[in-house]
């Protein structure tokens, strides 16, 4: 797990460079991205903290991931509209 921890930093830097250079023009895209990532992360934390464990079947994990991404997109859209 730790050998890929640098990957998160690289991904966030790649996301941050266009936001830094274009600033206010990408404000709505930034709101959508933050809303999506925050909602997806919160849903995954809640699900894995409550009823998912290490011996859960793989299809349940993929279903939870897919649903959390879809709900995350809805949350990002909601934040963008508000």
N, C-alpha and C. Protein backbone atom coordinates (compact mmCIF):
# COMPACT_ATOMS: atom_id res chain seq x y z
N UNK A 1 0.82 -1.19 0.00
CA UNK A 1 0.00 0.00 0.00
C UNK A 1 0.87 1.25 0.00
N UNK A 2 1.94 1.25 0.78
CA UNK A 2 2.75 2.44 0.88
C UNK A 2 3.59 2.69 -0.36
N UNK A 3 3.86 1.66 -1.13
CA UNK A 3 4.69 1.88 -2.29
C UNK A 3 3.96 2.66 -3.39
N UNK A 4 2.63 2.76 -3.30
CA UNK A 4 1.87 3.55 -4.26
C UNK A 4 1.33 4.85 -3.66
N UNK A 5 1.79 5.20 -2.47
CA UNK A 5 1.28 6.42 -1.83
C UNK A 5 1.73 7.67 -2.57
N UNK A 6 2.84 7.61 -3.29
CA UNK A 6 3.29 8.76 -4.07
C UNK A 6 2.33 9.05 -5.22
N UNK A 7 1.55 8.05 -5.62
CA UNK A 7 0.63 8.21 -6.74
C UNK A 7 -0.45 9.24 -6.44
N UNK A 8 -0.93 9.27 -5.19
CA UNK A 8 -1.95 10.26 -4.82
C UNK A 8 -1.40 11.67 -4.96
N UNK A 9 -0.16 11.87 -4.55
CA UNK A 9 0.46 13.19 -4.69
C UNK A 9 0.58 13.60 -6.14
N UNK A 10 0.98 12.67 -6.99
CA UNK A 10 1.12 12.97 -8.42
C UNK A 10 -0.23 13.30 -9.05
N UNK A 11 -1.25 12.55 -8.69
CA UNK A 11 -2.59 12.80 -9.24
C UNK A 11 -3.10 14.18 -8.80
N UNK A 12 -2.93 14.51 -7.53
CA UNK A 12 -3.40 15.80 -7.03
C UNK A 12 -2.60 16.96 -7.64
N UNK A 13 -1.32 16.77 -7.89
CA UNK A 13 -0.53 17.81 -8.55
C UNK A 13 -1.00 18.01 -9.99
N UNK A 14 -1.27 16.91 -10.68
CA UNK A 14 -1.75 17.01 -12.07
C UNK A 14 -3.11 17.70 -12.12
N UNK A 15 -3.97 17.43 -11.15
CA UNK A 15 -5.26 18.11 -11.09
C UNK A 15 -5.07 19.58 -10.73
N UNK A 16 -4.13 19.87 -9.85
CA UNK A 16 -3.95 21.22 -9.36
C UNK A 16 -3.29 22.18 -10.33
N UNK A 17 -2.46 21.71 -11.23
CA UNK A 17 -1.76 22.61 -12.17
C UNK A 17 -2.74 23.38 -13.06
N UNK A 18 -3.70 22.74 -13.74
CA UNK A 18 -4.65 23.53 -14.53
C UNK A 18 -5.50 24.47 -13.67
N UNK A 19 -5.85 24.03 -12.46
CA UNK A 19 -6.63 24.89 -11.58
C UNK A 19 -5.82 26.12 -11.17
N UNK A 20 -4.55 25.95 -10.97
CA UNK A 20 -3.68 27.06 -10.60
C UNK A 20 -3.51 28.03 -11.77
N UNK A 21 -3.34 27.49 -12.97
CA UNK A 21 -3.08 28.35 -14.12
C UNK A 21 -4.33 29.06 -14.64
N UNK A 22 -5.47 28.41 -14.60
CA UNK A 22 -6.68 29.00 -15.16
C UNK A 22 -7.57 29.67 -14.13
N UNK A 23 -7.35 29.38 -12.87
CA UNK A 23 -8.00 30.08 -11.78
C UNK A 23 -9.51 30.12 -11.83
N UNK A 24 -10.05 31.33 -11.94
CA UNK A 24 -11.49 31.57 -11.83
C UNK A 24 -12.29 30.92 -12.96
N UNK A 25 -11.65 30.67 -14.09
CA UNK A 25 -12.37 30.07 -15.23
C UNK A 25 -12.81 28.63 -14.91
N UNK A 26 -12.08 27.97 -14.04
CA UNK A 26 -12.40 26.58 -13.71
C UNK A 26 -13.05 26.44 -12.34
N UNK A 27 -13.63 27.51 -11.82
CA UNK A 27 -14.21 27.47 -10.47
C UNK A 27 -15.37 26.47 -10.40
N UNK A 28 -16.24 26.46 -11.38
CA UNK A 28 -17.37 25.52 -11.36
C UNK A 28 -16.89 24.07 -11.50
N UNK A 29 -15.86 23.87 -12.32
CA UNK A 29 -15.31 22.51 -12.44
C UNK A 29 -14.66 22.08 -11.13
N UNK A 30 -14.04 23.02 -10.43
CA UNK A 30 -13.43 22.72 -9.14
C UNK A 30 -14.49 22.33 -8.12
N UNK A 31 -15.60 23.07 -8.10
CA UNK A 31 -16.69 22.72 -7.19
C UNK A 31 -17.23 21.33 -7.48
N UNK A 32 -17.41 21.01 -8.75
CA UNK A 32 -17.91 19.69 -9.13
C UNK A 32 -16.92 18.60 -8.71
N UNK A 33 -15.64 18.83 -8.95
CA UNK A 33 -14.62 17.84 -8.61
C UNK A 33 -14.53 17.62 -7.11
N UNK A 34 -14.53 18.69 -6.35
CA UNK A 34 -14.46 18.58 -4.89
C UNK A 34 -15.71 17.89 -4.34
N UNK A 35 -16.88 18.26 -4.85
CA UNK A 35 -18.11 17.61 -4.40
C UNK A 35 -18.13 16.13 -4.72
N UNK A 36 -17.66 15.76 -5.89
CA UNK A 36 -17.62 14.35 -6.28
C UNK A 36 -16.66 13.57 -5.40
N UNK A 37 -15.44 14.07 -5.23
CA UNK A 37 -14.45 13.37 -4.42
C UNK A 37 -14.87 13.27 -2.96
N UNK A 38 -15.43 14.34 -2.42
CA UNK A 38 -15.84 14.34 -1.02
C UNK A 38 -17.00 13.38 -0.78
N UNK A 39 -18.01 13.42 -1.64
CA UNK A 39 -19.16 12.53 -1.48
C UNK A 39 -18.76 11.07 -1.63
N UNK A 40 -17.96 10.77 -2.64
CA UNK A 40 -17.51 9.39 -2.85
C UNK A 40 -16.71 8.89 -1.67
N UNK A 41 -15.80 9.72 -1.18
CA UNK A 41 -14.97 9.32 -0.04
C UNK A 41 -15.80 9.10 1.21
N UNK A 42 -16.74 9.98 1.48
CA UNK A 42 -17.58 9.82 2.67
C UNK A 42 -18.43 8.56 2.59
N UNK A 43 -19.00 8.28 1.43
CA UNK A 43 -19.82 7.07 1.28
C UNK A 43 -18.97 5.82 1.47
N UNK A 44 -17.78 5.80 0.87
CA UNK A 44 -16.92 4.63 1.03
C UNK A 44 -16.47 4.46 2.48
N UNK A 45 -16.16 5.55 3.16
CA UNK A 45 -15.76 5.45 4.57
C UNK A 45 -16.90 4.92 5.43
N UNK A 46 -18.10 5.40 5.18
CA UNK A 46 -19.25 4.94 5.96
C UNK A 46 -19.51 3.46 5.70
N UNK A 47 -19.49 3.05 4.44
CA UNK A 47 -19.79 1.66 4.11
C UNK A 47 -18.72 0.71 4.63
N UNK A 48 -17.44 1.07 4.45
CA UNK A 48 -16.38 0.19 4.92
C UNK A 48 -16.24 0.23 6.43
N UNK A 49 -16.68 1.30 7.05
CA UNK A 49 -16.63 1.37 8.51
C UNK A 49 -17.76 0.64 9.19
N UNK A 50 -18.87 0.43 8.47
CA UNK A 50 -20.04 -0.18 9.12
C UNK A 50 -20.20 -1.66 8.79
N UNK A 51 -20.35 -2.02 7.53
CA UNK A 51 -20.71 -3.42 7.27
C UNK A 51 -19.79 -4.16 6.31
N UNK A 52 -18.86 -3.53 5.65
CA UNK A 52 -17.96 -4.27 4.78
C UNK A 52 -16.70 -4.67 5.55
N UNK A 53 -16.18 -5.85 5.24
CA UNK A 53 -14.98 -6.33 5.92
C UNK A 53 -14.04 -6.95 4.89
N UNK A 54 -12.97 -7.56 5.39
CA UNK A 54 -11.98 -8.16 4.49
C UNK A 54 -12.51 -9.39 3.77
N UNK A 55 -13.48 -10.07 4.34
CA UNK A 55 -13.98 -11.30 3.71
C UNK A 55 -15.28 -11.07 2.93
N UNK A 56 -15.59 -9.82 2.62
CA UNK A 56 -16.76 -9.52 1.79
C UNK A 56 -16.46 -9.95 0.35
N UNK A 57 -17.46 -10.44 -0.33
CA UNK A 57 -17.26 -10.90 -1.70
C UNK A 57 -16.89 -9.73 -2.61
N UNK A 58 -16.18 -10.05 -3.68
CA UNK A 58 -15.65 -9.01 -4.57
C UNK A 58 -16.77 -8.24 -5.27
N UNK A 59 -17.83 -8.91 -5.65
CA UNK A 59 -18.89 -8.22 -6.40
C UNK A 59 -19.59 -7.19 -5.52
N UNK A 60 -19.65 -7.44 -4.22
CA UNK A 60 -20.25 -6.46 -3.32
C UNK A 60 -19.36 -5.22 -3.23
N UNK A 61 -18.06 -5.42 -3.17
CA UNK A 61 -17.13 -4.29 -3.14
C UNK A 61 -17.21 -3.45 -4.40
N UNK A 62 -17.28 -4.11 -5.55
CA UNK A 62 -17.39 -3.37 -6.82
C UNK A 62 -18.73 -2.64 -6.92
N UNK A 63 -19.79 -3.26 -6.41
CA UNK A 63 -21.10 -2.61 -6.43
C UNK A 63 -21.10 -1.37 -5.55
N UNK A 64 -20.51 -1.47 -4.36
CA UNK A 64 -20.42 -0.32 -3.46
C UNK A 64 -19.59 0.78 -4.09
N UNK A 65 -18.48 0.43 -4.72
CA UNK A 65 -17.63 1.42 -5.38
C UNK A 65 -18.37 2.12 -6.51
N UNK A 66 -19.07 1.35 -7.34
CA UNK A 66 -19.81 1.94 -8.46
C UNK A 66 -20.92 2.85 -7.97
N UNK A 67 -21.67 2.40 -6.98
CA UNK A 67 -22.76 3.23 -6.45
C UNK A 67 -22.23 4.49 -5.78
N UNK A 68 -21.11 4.38 -5.08
CA UNK A 68 -20.56 5.56 -4.43
C UNK A 68 -20.03 6.56 -5.45
N UNK A 69 -19.49 6.09 -6.55
CA UNK A 69 -19.04 7.01 -7.61
C UNK A 69 -20.24 7.71 -8.24
N UNK A 70 -21.30 6.96 -8.50
CA UNK A 70 -22.50 7.57 -9.09
C UNK A 70 -23.13 8.58 -8.14
N UNK A 71 -23.21 8.23 -6.85
CA UNK A 71 -23.73 9.18 -5.87
C UNK A 71 -22.78 10.37 -5.70
N UNK A 72 -21.48 10.11 -5.84
CA UNK A 72 -20.50 11.19 -5.77
C UNK A 72 -20.66 12.18 -6.91
N UNK A 73 -20.95 11.68 -8.11
CA UNK A 73 -21.21 12.56 -9.25
C UNK A 73 -22.46 13.38 -9.00
N UNK A 74 -23.47 12.77 -8.42
CA UNK A 74 -24.69 13.52 -8.08
C UNK A 74 -24.40 14.58 -7.03
N UNK A 75 -23.57 14.25 -6.04
CA UNK A 75 -23.20 15.21 -5.02
C UNK A 75 -22.37 16.36 -5.60
N UNK A 76 -21.48 16.03 -6.53
CA UNK A 76 -20.70 17.08 -7.20
C UNK A 76 -21.56 18.00 -8.02
N UNK A 77 -22.53 17.43 -8.70
CA UNK A 77 -23.46 18.25 -9.49
C UNK A 77 -24.30 19.16 -8.58
N UNK A 78 -24.72 18.63 -7.45
CA UNK A 78 -25.48 19.41 -6.50
C UNK A 78 -24.66 20.57 -5.94
N UNK A 79 -23.42 20.32 -5.61
CA UNK A 79 -22.55 21.39 -5.13
C UNK A 79 -22.30 22.42 -6.22
N UNK A 80 -22.13 21.97 -7.44
CA UNK A 80 -21.93 22.88 -8.57
C UNK A 80 -23.15 23.77 -8.77
N UNK A 81 -24.35 23.22 -8.66
CA UNK A 81 -25.57 24.00 -8.87
C UNK A 81 -25.86 24.95 -7.73
N UNK A 82 -25.48 24.57 -6.52
CA UNK A 82 -25.75 25.45 -5.37
C UNK A 82 -24.73 26.56 -5.32
